[in-house]
Protein backbone atom coordinates (compact mmCIF):
# COMPACT_ATOMS: atom_id res chain seq x y z
CA MET A 1 119.21 184.97 137.13
CA GLN A 2 116.30 185.04 134.73
CA ILE A 3 113.18 183.98 137.07
CA ALA A 4 110.03 183.15 135.45
CA VAL A 5 106.68 184.00 137.92
CA VAL A 6 103.86 182.16 136.97
CA GLY A 7 100.67 183.44 137.76
CA GLY A 8 100.00 187.26 137.41
CA GLY A 9 97.73 187.71 140.67
CA VAL A 10 98.32 189.83 143.20
CA VAL A 11 100.39 187.10 144.84
CA GLY A 12 102.71 186.72 141.38
CA VAL A 13 103.16 190.17 140.79
CA CYS A 14 104.17 190.88 144.31
CA THR A 15 106.43 188.52 143.55
CA ALA A 16 107.84 189.54 140.71
CA TYR A 17 108.31 193.11 141.70
CA PHE A 18 110.67 192.08 144.68
CA LEU A 19 112.53 189.64 142.58
CA ALA A 20 113.23 192.63 140.15
CA ALA A 21 114.35 194.81 143.36
CA ALA A 22 116.53 192.36 144.20
CA GLY A 23 118.22 192.35 140.53
CA HIS A 24 116.90 189.77 139.10
CA GLN A 25 115.52 189.60 135.09
CA THR A 26 112.24 188.78 135.88
CA VAL A 27 109.30 187.43 133.60
CA VAL A 28 105.51 186.83 134.55
CA LEU A 29 103.39 184.54 132.46
CA GLU A 30 99.75 185.14 132.67
CA ARG A 31 96.50 182.80 131.12
CA TYR A 32 94.09 185.86 130.56
CA SER A 33 94.98 189.10 128.98
CA ASN A 34 95.82 190.82 131.98
CA VAL A 35 97.12 190.90 135.95
CA ALA A 36 94.15 190.44 138.51
CA GLN A 37 91.58 188.78 136.27
CA GLU A 38 90.61 185.56 139.06
CA ASN A 39 90.66 185.78 142.54
CA SER A 40 92.40 188.73 142.97
CA PHE A 41 89.47 190.37 140.91
CA GLY A 42 86.88 189.33 143.02
CA ASN A 43 88.57 189.00 146.56
CA ALA A 44 87.40 190.53 149.73
CA GLY A 45 89.52 193.74 149.24
CA LEU A 46 91.08 193.00 153.06
CA MET A 47 94.82 193.06 154.10
CA ALA A 48 93.90 192.24 157.72
CA PRO A 49 96.56 190.75 160.05
CA GLY A 50 94.09 190.65 163.43
CA HIS A 51 90.82 189.40 161.04
CA ALA A 52 93.36 186.77 158.71
CA ALA A 53 92.78 183.33 160.30
CA PRO A 54 92.46 179.62 159.33
CA TRP A 55 89.25 177.72 158.24
CA ALA A 56 89.78 175.26 160.31
CA ALA A 57 88.92 176.80 163.79
CA PRO A 58 87.48 175.24 166.74
CA GLY A 59 84.06 175.10 166.71
CA MET A 60 84.30 174.86 162.48
CA PRO A 61 82.72 171.53 162.35
CA GLN A 62 79.66 171.80 164.12
CA LYS A 63 78.86 175.19 162.60
CA LEU A 64 79.73 173.33 159.28
CA LEU A 65 77.19 170.59 159.94
CA SER A 66 74.32 173.00 161.15
CA TYR A 67 74.54 174.89 157.72
CA LEU A 68 73.66 171.97 155.38
CA PHE A 69 70.00 172.75 156.57
CA LYS A 70 70.01 176.48 155.88
CA SER A 71 69.11 178.60 153.00
CA GLU A 72 71.62 181.00 153.48
CA SER A 73 74.43 179.14 154.40
CA PRO A 74 78.68 180.42 154.38
CA ALA A 75 80.06 177.18 153.44
CA VAL A 76 78.41 174.25 151.36
CA LEU A 77 79.69 170.36 151.68
CA LYS A 78 78.64 168.47 148.96
CA PRO A 79 78.77 164.65 149.47
CA ARG A 80 80.52 162.87 147.25
CA MET A 81 82.45 159.05 146.81
CA SER A 82 85.83 161.24 146.73
CA PRO A 83 88.70 159.65 148.32
CA THR A 84 90.61 162.92 148.21
CA LEU A 85 87.49 165.06 149.57
CA TRP A 86 87.57 162.86 152.07
CA ARG A 87 91.39 163.05 153.33
CA TRP A 88 91.49 166.08 152.94
CA MET A 89 88.77 166.61 155.82
CA ARG A 90 90.08 164.34 157.97
CA ARG A 91 93.09 166.42 157.96
CA TRP A 92 91.00 169.57 158.47
CA LEU A 93 89.08 168.40 161.07
CA ALA A 94 92.98 167.58 163.03
CA GLU A 95 93.45 171.46 162.09
CA CYS A 96 90.39 172.59 164.46
CA ASP A 97 92.04 171.69 167.30
CA ILE A 98 92.20 174.87 169.50
CA GLU A 99 95.86 174.10 169.68
CA ARG A 100 96.54 173.69 166.47
CA PHE A 101 94.60 176.66 165.55
CA ARG A 102 96.82 178.78 167.75
CA ILE A 103 99.83 177.64 165.82
CA ASN A 104 98.10 178.16 162.30
CA LYS A 105 97.02 181.48 163.30
CA MET A 106 100.01 182.73 164.22
CA ARG A 107 101.81 181.60 161.06
CA ILE A 108 99.61 183.91 159.26
CA GLN A 109 99.68 186.56 161.59
CA ARG A 110 103.93 186.48 161.25
CA LEU A 111 103.40 186.42 157.42
CA ALA A 112 100.36 188.94 157.42
CA ALA A 113 102.01 191.39 159.69
CA TYR A 114 105.20 191.50 157.62
CA SER A 115 103.12 192.15 154.53
CA LYS A 116 100.92 194.78 156.35
CA ASP A 117 104.66 196.44 157.03
CA LEU A 118 105.99 195.90 153.25
CA MET A 119 102.39 197.63 151.81
CA GLY A 120 102.44 200.20 153.87
CA LEU A 121 106.37 201.05 152.39
CA LEU A 122 105.09 200.66 148.96
CA ARG A 123 102.21 203.02 149.45
CA ASP A 124 104.20 205.50 150.71
CA HIS A 125 107.50 205.27 148.53
CA TYR A 126 105.43 205.58 145.33
CA ALA A 127 102.39 207.44 146.52
CA LEU A 128 99.80 204.39 146.05
CA ASP A 129 96.04 205.20 145.97
CA TYR A 130 93.97 202.12 145.66
CA GLU A 131 90.71 203.14 147.72
CA GLN A 132 92.01 202.47 150.99
CA THR A 133 89.99 202.05 154.34
CA THR A 134 91.68 201.92 157.58
CA GLY A 135 89.73 199.38 160.37
CA LEU A 136 87.58 196.71 160.43
CA LEU A 137 84.63 195.56 162.79
CA GLN A 138 83.99 191.89 163.43
CA LEU A 139 80.32 191.86 163.93
CA PHE A 140 78.73 189.08 166.67
CA ARG A 141 74.98 188.33 165.92
CA SER A 142 74.71 186.33 169.00
CA PRO A 143 76.51 185.12 172.41
CA GLY A 144 77.02 181.68 171.11
CA GLU A 145 79.19 183.63 167.85
CA LEU A 146 81.37 185.47 170.68
CA ALA A 147 82.03 182.33 172.30
CA LEU A 148 83.35 181.02 169.48
CA ALA A 149 85.86 184.09 169.20
CA GLN A 150 87.28 183.72 172.21
CA PRO A 151 90.18 181.57 171.17
CA LEU A 152 91.06 184.39 168.61
CA MET A 153 91.36 187.26 171.16
CA ALA A 154 93.22 185.23 172.98
CA ILE A 155 95.32 184.80 170.33
CA LEU A 156 95.32 189.04 169.35
CA GLU A 157 96.28 189.80 172.74
CA GLU A 158 99.07 186.96 172.78
CA ALA A 159 100.41 188.40 169.40
CA GLY A 160 100.07 191.78 170.56
CA ILE A 161 97.74 192.94 168.29
CA SER A 162 95.55 195.87 168.90
CA HIS A 163 91.94 194.94 169.33
CA ARG A 164 89.02 195.93 171.61
CA LEU A 165 85.61 194.17 172.24
CA ILE A 166 83.05 197.31 172.47
CA PRO A 167 79.39 197.21 172.65
CA PRO A 168 76.58 197.75 170.08
CA ASP A 169 76.71 201.43 170.67
CA ASP A 170 80.18 201.80 170.37
CA ALA A 171 80.16 200.06 167.25
CA ARG A 172 77.81 202.45 165.62
CA GLN A 173 80.04 205.31 166.16
CA ILE A 174 82.65 203.58 164.06
CA GLU A 175 80.10 202.23 161.15
CA PRO A 176 76.56 205.14 161.62
CA ALA A 177 74.91 203.85 159.16
CA LEU A 178 74.97 200.02 160.86
CA ALA A 179 71.25 198.95 160.80
CA TYR A 180 69.34 198.15 164.36
CA HIS A 181 66.87 195.48 162.81
CA THR A 182 69.86 192.93 163.14
CA PRO A 183 70.25 191.43 166.36
CA LEU A 184 74.18 192.65 167.26
CA ASN A 185 75.66 191.58 170.75
CA SER A 186 79.37 193.19 170.49
CA ALA A 187 81.73 193.59 168.19
CA LEU A 188 85.62 193.72 168.11
CA HIS A 189 87.23 196.56 166.97
CA LEU A 190 90.61 195.59 165.05
CA PRO A 191 91.65 199.43 164.39
CA GLY A 192 95.18 198.54 162.00
CA ASP A 193 93.42 196.09 159.83
CA GLU A 194 93.13 197.53 156.22
CA ALA A 195 91.18 196.70 153.05
CA GLY A 196 91.53 198.48 149.39
CA ASN A 197 90.90 197.77 146.09
CA CYS A 198 93.07 194.43 145.23
CA PRO A 199 92.94 194.72 141.33
CA LEU A 200 93.60 198.19 140.83
CA PHE A 201 96.60 197.92 143.72
CA THR A 202 97.70 194.70 141.46
CA ARG A 203 97.70 197.14 138.09
CA GLN A 204 99.31 200.13 139.66
CA LEU A 205 102.16 197.44 140.75
CA LYS A 206 102.56 195.64 137.31
CA MET A 207 103.13 198.92 135.67
CA ILE A 208 105.79 199.72 138.20
CA ALA A 209 107.39 196.38 137.86
CA GLN A 210 107.36 197.07 134.26
CA ASP A 211 109.62 200.14 135.13
CA MET A 212 112.14 197.76 136.32
CA GLY A 213 112.47 195.48 133.57
CA VAL A 214 109.53 192.93 134.55
CA ALA A 215 107.92 191.37 131.66
CA PHE A 216 104.97 190.71 131.56
CA HIS A 217 103.52 188.03 128.82
CA PHE A 218 99.77 187.98 128.80
CA ASP A 219 97.45 184.77 127.22
CA SER A 220 100.43 182.16 127.93
CA GLN A 221 99.24 179.07 129.62
CA VAL A 222 101.85 177.42 131.00
CA GLU A 223 101.09 173.64 130.46
CA ASP A 224 104.08 171.71 132.45
CA ILE A 225 107.70 172.73 134.12
CA ALA A 226 110.45 170.60 134.46
CA VAL A 227 114.07 170.40 135.32
CA GLU A 228 115.97 170.65 132.83
CA GLY A 229 120.42 171.02 133.35
CA ALA A 230 121.20 173.88 135.63
CA GLY A 231 117.71 175.50 135.12
CA VAL A 232 113.99 175.14 134.52
CA GLY A 233 112.30 174.54 130.96
CA PHE A 234 108.31 175.20 130.67
CA ARG A 235 106.16 174.76 127.86
CA ILE A 236 103.63 178.00 126.42
CA GLY A 237 101.45 176.07 123.43
CA ALA A 238 103.96 174.42 121.19
CA GLU A 239 106.94 176.36 122.15
CA ARG A 240 109.21 175.47 125.23
CA TYR A 241 111.32 178.21 127.06
CA SER A 242 113.72 178.01 129.88
CA ALA A 243 115.03 179.97 132.49
CA ASP A 244 117.30 179.79 135.77
CA ALA A 245 114.46 179.35 138.23
CA VAL A 246 110.65 179.72 138.52
CA VAL A 247 108.30 180.94 140.78
CA ILE A 248 104.86 179.02 140.90
CA ALA A 249 102.43 181.40 141.92
CA ALA A 250 99.22 180.58 139.64
CA GLY A 251 96.70 179.90 142.75
CA TYR A 252 94.62 176.61 142.12
CA ASP A 253 96.01 175.89 137.92
CA SER A 254 99.73 175.53 140.13
CA LEU A 255 98.37 172.18 141.12
CA PRO A 256 98.62 170.46 137.86
CA LEU A 257 102.10 171.94 137.09
CA LEU A 258 103.33 170.85 140.63
CA ARG A 259 101.74 167.03 139.91
CA GLY A 260 103.80 167.16 136.77
CA LEU A 261 107.10 167.86 138.48
CA GLY A 262 106.43 164.67 141.20
CA VAL A 263 105.31 167.85 143.87
CA ARG A 264 101.86 166.89 145.91
CA ILE A 265 100.34 169.20 148.43
CA PRO A 266 97.39 168.53 150.72
CA VAL A 267 94.72 171.09 148.83
CA TYR A 268 91.45 170.93 147.58
CA PRO A 269 89.23 173.50 145.78
CA VAL A 270 87.27 175.64 147.45
CA LYS A 271 85.10 177.44 145.72
CA ALA A 272 84.13 181.40 147.22
CA TYR A 273 81.88 184.04 146.15
CA SER A 274 81.87 187.59 146.34
CA ALA A 275 79.12 190.56 145.26
CA SER A 276 80.30 194.11 144.09
CA VAL A 277 78.01 197.06 144.15
CA PHE A 278 77.57 200.82 143.65
CA ILE A 279 76.54 203.06 146.37
CA ARG A 280 73.19 204.55 145.93
CA ASP A 281 73.29 206.24 149.23
CA PHE A 282 76.59 207.49 150.57
CA ASP A 283 75.40 208.28 154.07
CA GLN A 284 73.67 204.64 154.71
CA ALA A 285 76.98 202.97 153.85
CA PRO A 286 79.80 201.24 155.37
CA LEU A 287 83.03 203.46 155.93
CA ALA A 288 85.40 201.04 156.00
CA SER A 289 85.10 197.07 156.24
CA LEU A 290 83.20 194.92 158.54
CA ALA A 291 82.77 190.62 159.13
CA ASP A 292 79.75 189.22 159.77
CA GLN A 293 80.87 185.96 161.98
CA ALA A 294 77.75 184.12 161.86
CA TYR A 295 77.79 184.04 158.08
CA LYS A 296 81.47 184.31 157.76
CA VAL A 297 81.01 187.20 155.10
CA SER A 298 82.79 190.42 154.70
CA ILE A 299 81.58 193.83 153.67
CA SER A 300 84.28 196.20 152.52
CA ARG A 301 84.07 199.46 151.15
CA LEU A 302 85.93 200.33 147.72
CA GLY A 303 85.24 203.69 146.91
CA ALA A 304 81.78 204.10 145.34
CA ARG A 305 81.22 200.47 145.61
CA ILE A 306 80.49 198.39 148.35
CA ARG A 307 81.79 194.48 148.17
CA VAL A 308 80.53 191.28 150.12
CA ALA A 309 82.79 188.64 150.09
CA GLY A 310 82.37 185.02 151.54
CA THR A 311 80.58 181.41 151.53
CA ALA A 312 82.94 178.48 150.84
CA GLU A 313 81.74 175.69 148.70
CA LEU A 314 83.59 172.04 148.82
CA GLY A 315 83.31 169.59 146.54
CA PHE A 316 84.86 169.45 142.74
CA PRO A 317 82.88 173.30 142.32
CA THR A 318 81.49 173.79 139.16
CA PRO A 319 81.51 177.25 136.86
CA GLU A 320 77.83 178.31 137.81
CA LEU A 321 77.30 180.60 140.51
CA ARG A 322 75.13 179.02 142.87
CA GLU A 323 72.02 180.85 144.17
CA THR A 324 72.05 179.87 147.53
CA ALA A 325 75.69 181.34 148.20
CA LEU A 326 74.18 184.38 146.21
CA ARG A 327 71.26 184.85 148.95
CA THR A 328 73.91 184.73 151.46
CA LEU A 329 75.64 187.71 150.23
CA VAL A 330 72.64 189.88 149.42
CA LYS A 331 71.00 188.71 152.74
CA VAL A 332 74.24 190.05 155.10
CA GLY A 333 74.49 193.26 152.96
CA GLU A 334 70.90 194.03 153.65
CA ASP A 335 71.22 193.10 157.18
CA TRP A 336 73.88 195.52 157.66
CA PHE A 337 73.62 198.38 155.75
CA PRO A 338 69.76 198.02 153.62
CA ASP A 339 69.89 201.74 152.49
CA ALA A 340 73.43 201.89 151.04
CA ALA A 341 72.55 199.48 147.63
CA ASN A 342 70.60 197.19 145.56
CA TYR A 343 72.35 194.39 146.05
CA ASN A 344 70.45 192.12 143.95
CA GLY A 345 71.66 194.31 141.17
CA SER A 346 75.49 193.17 142.04
CA GLN A 347 77.91 192.24 139.72
CA PHE A 348 78.62 188.77 141.13
CA TRP A 349 81.68 186.59 141.10
CA SER A 350 82.79 183.15 142.08
CA GLY A 351 86.65 181.55 141.95
CA VAL A 352 88.23 178.70 143.07
CA TRP A 353 91.35 178.42 145.99
CA PRO A 354 93.69 175.67 146.50
CA MET A 355 92.59 175.43 150.21
CA LEU A 356 95.17 173.60 152.49
CA PRO A 357 93.82 171.93 155.33
CA ASP A 358 95.82 173.90 158.16
CA GLY A 359 94.80 177.45 155.86
CA VAL A 360 98.73 178.39 155.73
CA PRO A 361 99.84 179.19 152.41
CA LEU A 362 103.13 177.64 151.36
CA VAL A 363 106.23 179.74 150.37
CA GLY A 364 109.27 178.80 149.17
CA PRO A 365 111.65 175.67 147.68
CA THR A 366 109.80 172.54 146.31
CA GLY A 367 112.98 170.47 147.04
CA LEU A 368 113.37 170.48 143.27
CA ARG A 369 116.61 172.86 142.08
CA ASN A 370 114.87 175.99 141.26
CA VAL A 371 111.31 175.37 141.48
CA TYR A 372 109.60 177.82 144.19
CA VAL A 373 106.24 178.09 145.46
CA ASN A 374 103.79 181.03 146.53
CA ILE A 375 100.54 179.10 147.06
CA GLY A 376 97.67 178.37 149.13
CA HIS A 377 96.66 181.82 150.74
CA GLY A 378 93.24 181.64 150.53
CA ALA A 379 91.11 184.35 151.25
CA SER A 380 93.98 186.35 152.85
CA ASP A 381 95.79 186.61 149.37
CA TRP A 382 96.29 190.12 149.67
CA ALA A 383 97.21 190.10 153.02
CA MET A 384 100.23 188.03 152.85
CA ALA A 385 101.06 188.76 148.92
CA ALA A 386 103.56 191.33 149.34
CA GLY A 387 105.27 189.56 152.34
CA SER A 388 105.19 186.35 150.76
CA GLY A 389 106.84 187.90 147.47
CA LYS A 390 109.40 189.30 149.65
CA LEU A 391 110.05 186.17 151.25
CA ILE A 392 110.57 184.38 147.67
CA ALA A 393 112.86 187.39 146.83
CA ASP A 394 115.40 186.51 149.55
CA ILE A 395 115.26 182.90 149.48
CA VAL A 396 116.15 182.68 145.73
CA SER A 397 118.73 185.61 146.19
CA GLY A 398 120.24 183.69 148.74
CA HIS A 399 119.54 186.10 151.57
CA ILE A 400 118.16 185.36 155.06
CA PRO A 401 114.31 186.29 155.25
CA ASP A 402 113.50 188.84 157.63
CA ILE A 403 110.51 186.58 159.42
CA ASP A 404 110.98 183.13 160.50
CA MET A 405 110.09 180.45 157.52
CA GLU A 406 109.02 178.09 160.45
CA GLY A 407 105.82 176.60 159.23
CA LEU A 408 105.46 178.34 155.75
CA THR A 409 107.25 175.99 153.53
CA LEU A 410 106.44 172.38 152.17
CA ALA A 411 109.21 171.04 155.12
CA ARG A 412 105.85 170.87 157.15
CA TYR A 413 104.11 168.06 155.65
CA GLY A 414 107.73 165.92 154.97
């Protein structure tokens, strides 16, 4: 089949690779001049099935309210008279129920664990080096933060994910440069979780896909998509093109394309931030990855750089960088690794995720003939990219997917 993939982020490129591996003639349509130029460029770099979890979690509504009054905050809600926002918030609040959280976390876990296995196969087969590290520490500043994490640890136990709750001294044996001046109650060690340079990996996989025959068309903004006869048509500028099938994997830019097809899903734009800075003292830098549970901010070692990523802004995000979000990233970096880098001199980035209330991505058919989606991965896009790309390739090819698709498709929204 001739298949067009709309979107050249890590999810789109993984999708194209697995489609080509399945024998399909594949083209990637990307509005930027290269792959991984938007959310894949500035994401946290985590490939962490254990850490990946829905934002809708027990205790999060109360935390969101408390964040409204802090100068450094991991989340901001801009109150607006927006029916779309409040409808989304009502759905999100319902997903914060502990049983809903368990269901959603297990769905994410299933896909992320599958994706991690595929990443290992890709890395070994092609001898890839994308500044990867292994192991992640979730840091709890207080007993209250640890208490909020109990549902997550119960799910990790249920899923058989290797994890260990450790005291501060043990955490500092794993990460010797952890600062002593910042309160640390305990840490959750996830030895199997990984991190790495997502745009570097995406560019490497692009070259591999090109060698397999995948054509990449850059500076190509897809304006609309329509089912035409036995195939699918789409417009780029003034020109119309066609393919046997199309996979929409363009992040937030997927939404107008889906609306044009009459496909409506309960997504809302959530703006996220990251800071990347070169290490000035390697002895004082992190060795792998950490996540500050109080501020919902991650710290990852990417070769000679540190990436600090997190915060979320709801309410029609604007392009400018919000100063309070940048202060939050700088604070978390300085709290844990103060001498590693000059965080105020970071390269700051922001991007918009299409966030679903339950936090679980949508992978598979849309109900329209030969139109598929691969969106909604949020901040864990890299953790699930390979797995969701392989699932799409199997579905398009008429093969039975390797994992259960329950809860991962549009069917969960009726």
